[in-house]
Amino acid sequence: MSAESSARLREPPEQRFAGPVHLIDLRTASKRLLAEPPHPTPGHRQITLYRHGAATLALFHFGPGGSLVNHRANAVVNVHVMTGQVNVQTPEGTHRVEAGQMLVLAPNVPHDVQAVKTSRMLLTVCLKP
């Protein structure tokens, strides 16, 4: 094993996303994510659960006040709050998204995410072709 691969927290994406079928246990993924060293950006941790072509699924854990600063994607973005509550700021206003709710954004909508309290969020991104 090389020094680079022994320093990795996770399997390389080519291995993680290989194969035609993936059963993802979100509880287990959450526990593993929380057991990793803190993310370089204070306030949240994230892991890409799956990526293929234009689709990406990512799991986020936010501490209270954790955020993703203003950004946009040339993609349909689905914010699914699994636990807690986040506020998503868009040009249309602030959207309060609670556990069990989803917010879907059209491509290129600028937004930022701020956790009101400890929250877990599943993000689905479908890039435009």
Protein backbone atom coordinates (compact mmCIF):
# COMPACT_ATOMS: atom_id res chain seq x y z
CA MET A 1 0.00 0.00 0.00
CA SER A 2 1.41 3.39 -0.96
CA ALA A 3 1.72 6.30 1.48
CA GLU A 4 -0.98 8.12 -0.49
CA SER A 5 -3.50 5.27 -0.23
CA SER A 6 -2.75 4.65 3.47
CA ALA A 7 -3.42 8.35 4.19
CA ARG A 8 -6.86 8.24 2.51
CA LEU A 9 -9.92 8.27 4.72
CA ARG A 10 -11.98 6.39 2.16
CA GLU A 11 -11.64 4.06 -0.80
CA PRO A 12 -10.85 5.89 -4.06
CA PRO A 13 -13.97 6.90 -6.01
CA GLU A 14 -13.26 4.39 -8.79
CA GLN A 15 -13.63 1.62 -6.21
CA ARG A 16 -16.42 3.20 -4.14
CA PHE A 17 -18.66 3.82 -7.14
CA ALA A 18 -17.81 0.68 -9.16
CA GLY A 19 -20.53 -1.79 -10.02
CA PRO A 20 -24.06 -1.47 -11.36
CA VAL A 21 -26.00 -1.65 -8.04
CA HIS A 22 -25.39 0.10 -4.71
CA LEU A 23 -27.32 -0.43 -1.48
CA ILE A 24 -26.47 2.50 0.78
CA ASP A 25 -27.31 2.35 4.47
CA LEU A 26 -27.62 6.02 5.42
CA ARG A 27 -27.40 5.26 9.16
CA THR A 28 -24.10 3.43 8.72
CA ALA A 29 -22.77 6.09 6.34
CA SER A 30 -23.68 8.76 8.91
CA LYS A 31 -21.90 6.94 11.74
CA ARG A 32 -18.77 6.49 9.62
CA LEU A 33 -18.83 10.13 8.54
CA LEU A 34 -19.07 11.33 12.15
CA ALA A 35 -16.18 9.04 13.14
CA GLU A 36 -13.83 10.65 10.59
CA PRO A 37 -11.54 13.54 11.52
CA PRO A 38 -13.28 16.93 11.27
CA HIS A 39 -13.81 18.43 7.83
CA PRO A 40 -11.43 21.27 6.92
CA THR A 41 -14.44 23.60 6.70
CA PRO A 42 -15.70 23.99 10.28
CA GLY A 43 -19.36 23.28 10.89
CA HIS A 44 -19.98 20.43 8.48
CA ARG A 45 -18.77 17.08 7.19
CA GLN A 46 -19.63 15.50 3.88
CA ILE A 47 -19.16 12.38 1.82
CA THR A 48 -20.11 11.60 -1.76
CA LEU A 49 -22.13 8.40 -1.54
CA TYR A 50 -22.41 7.84 -5.27
CA ARG A 51 -21.45 9.53 -8.51
CA HIS A 52 -22.15 8.42 -12.05
CA GLY A 53 -22.39 10.58 -15.12
CA ALA A 54 -24.49 13.63 -14.30
CA ALA A 55 -25.79 12.33 -10.94
CA THR A 56 -24.19 12.79 -7.53
CA LEU A 57 -25.52 11.83 -4.09
CA ALA A 58 -23.81 13.36 -1.06
CA LEU A 59 -24.45 13.11 2.67
CA PHE A 60 -23.84 16.14 4.89
CA HIS A 61 -23.73 16.53 8.67
CA PHE A 62 -23.97 20.07 10.00
CA GLY A 63 -23.36 21.33 13.50
CA PRO A 64 -25.52 24.23 14.67
CA GLY A 65 -24.62 27.22 12.49
CA GLY A 66 -22.69 25.06 10.00
CA SER A 67 -23.05 26.27 6.45
CA LEU A 68 -22.29 26.03 2.77
CA VAL A 69 -21.57 29.51 1.49
CA ASN A 70 -23.31 31.05 -1.50
CA HIS A 71 -22.79 28.92 -4.61
CA ARG A 72 -24.68 27.60 -7.63
CA ALA A 73 -24.63 24.51 -9.79
CA ASN A 74 -25.50 24.02 -13.45
CA ALA A 75 -27.75 21.24 -12.20
CA VAL A 76 -31.04 20.39 -10.60
CA VAL A 77 -30.30 20.34 -6.86
CA ASN A 78 -32.45 18.46 -4.34
CA VAL A 79 -31.88 19.25 -0.66
CA HIS A 80 -33.48 16.51 1.49
CA VAL A 81 -33.26 17.21 5.22
CA MET A 82 -33.21 13.92 7.10
CA THR A 83 -32.80 15.29 10.63
CA GLY A 84 -32.74 18.80 12.06
CA GLN A 85 -33.47 21.98 10.14
CA VAL A 86 -31.62 24.10 7.58
CA ASN A 87 -32.36 27.46 6.03
CA VAL A 88 -31.63 27.73 2.32
CA GLN A 89 -31.24 31.28 1.07
CA THR A 90 -32.09 31.89 -2.60
CA PRO A 91 -32.88 35.07 -4.53
CA GLU A 92 -36.56 34.30 -3.79
CA GLY A 93 -35.98 34.38 -0.01
CA THR A 94 -35.16 32.09 2.88
CA HIS A 95 -36.62 28.58 2.76
CA ARG A 96 -36.93 26.74 6.07
CA VAL A 97 -36.42 23.03 5.35
CA GLU A 98 -37.13 20.63 8.21
CA ALA A 99 -36.63 16.89 8.70
CA GLY A 100 -38.70 15.00 6.16
CA GLN A 101 -38.85 17.90 3.71
CA MET A 102 -37.08 18.51 0.39
CA LEU A 103 -36.27 21.68 -1.50
CA VAL A 104 -35.66 21.38 -5.24
CA LEU A 105 -33.72 24.11 -7.06
CA ALA A 106 -33.61 24.60 -10.81
CA PRO A 107 -30.17 24.82 -12.45
CA ASN A 108 -28.07 27.89 -11.68
CA VAL A 109 -30.11 29.13 -8.71
CA PRO A 110 -27.65 30.76 -6.30
CA HIS A 111 -28.11 29.46 -2.77
CA ASP A 112 -26.49 28.95 0.56
CA VAL A 113 -27.33 26.54 3.36
CA GLN A 114 -27.23 27.29 7.08
CA ALA A 115 -28.01 24.72 9.75
CA VAL A 116 -30.36 26.02 12.43
CA LYS A 117 -29.44 23.04 14.61
CA THR A 118 -27.54 19.79 14.22
CA SER A 119 -28.79 18.44 10.89
CA ARG A 120 -28.26 15.64 8.42
CA MET A 121 -28.94 16.34 4.75
CA LEU A 122 -28.92 14.21 1.61
CA LEU A 123 -28.02 16.23 -1.46
CA THR A 124 -28.83 15.01 -4.96
CA VAL A 125 -27.32 16.86 -7.92
CA CYS A 126 -28.29 16.13 -11.54
CA LEU A 127 -26.10 18.09 -13.93
CA LYS A 128 -27.54 19.46 -17.13
CA PRO A 129 -26.23 17.66 -20.22
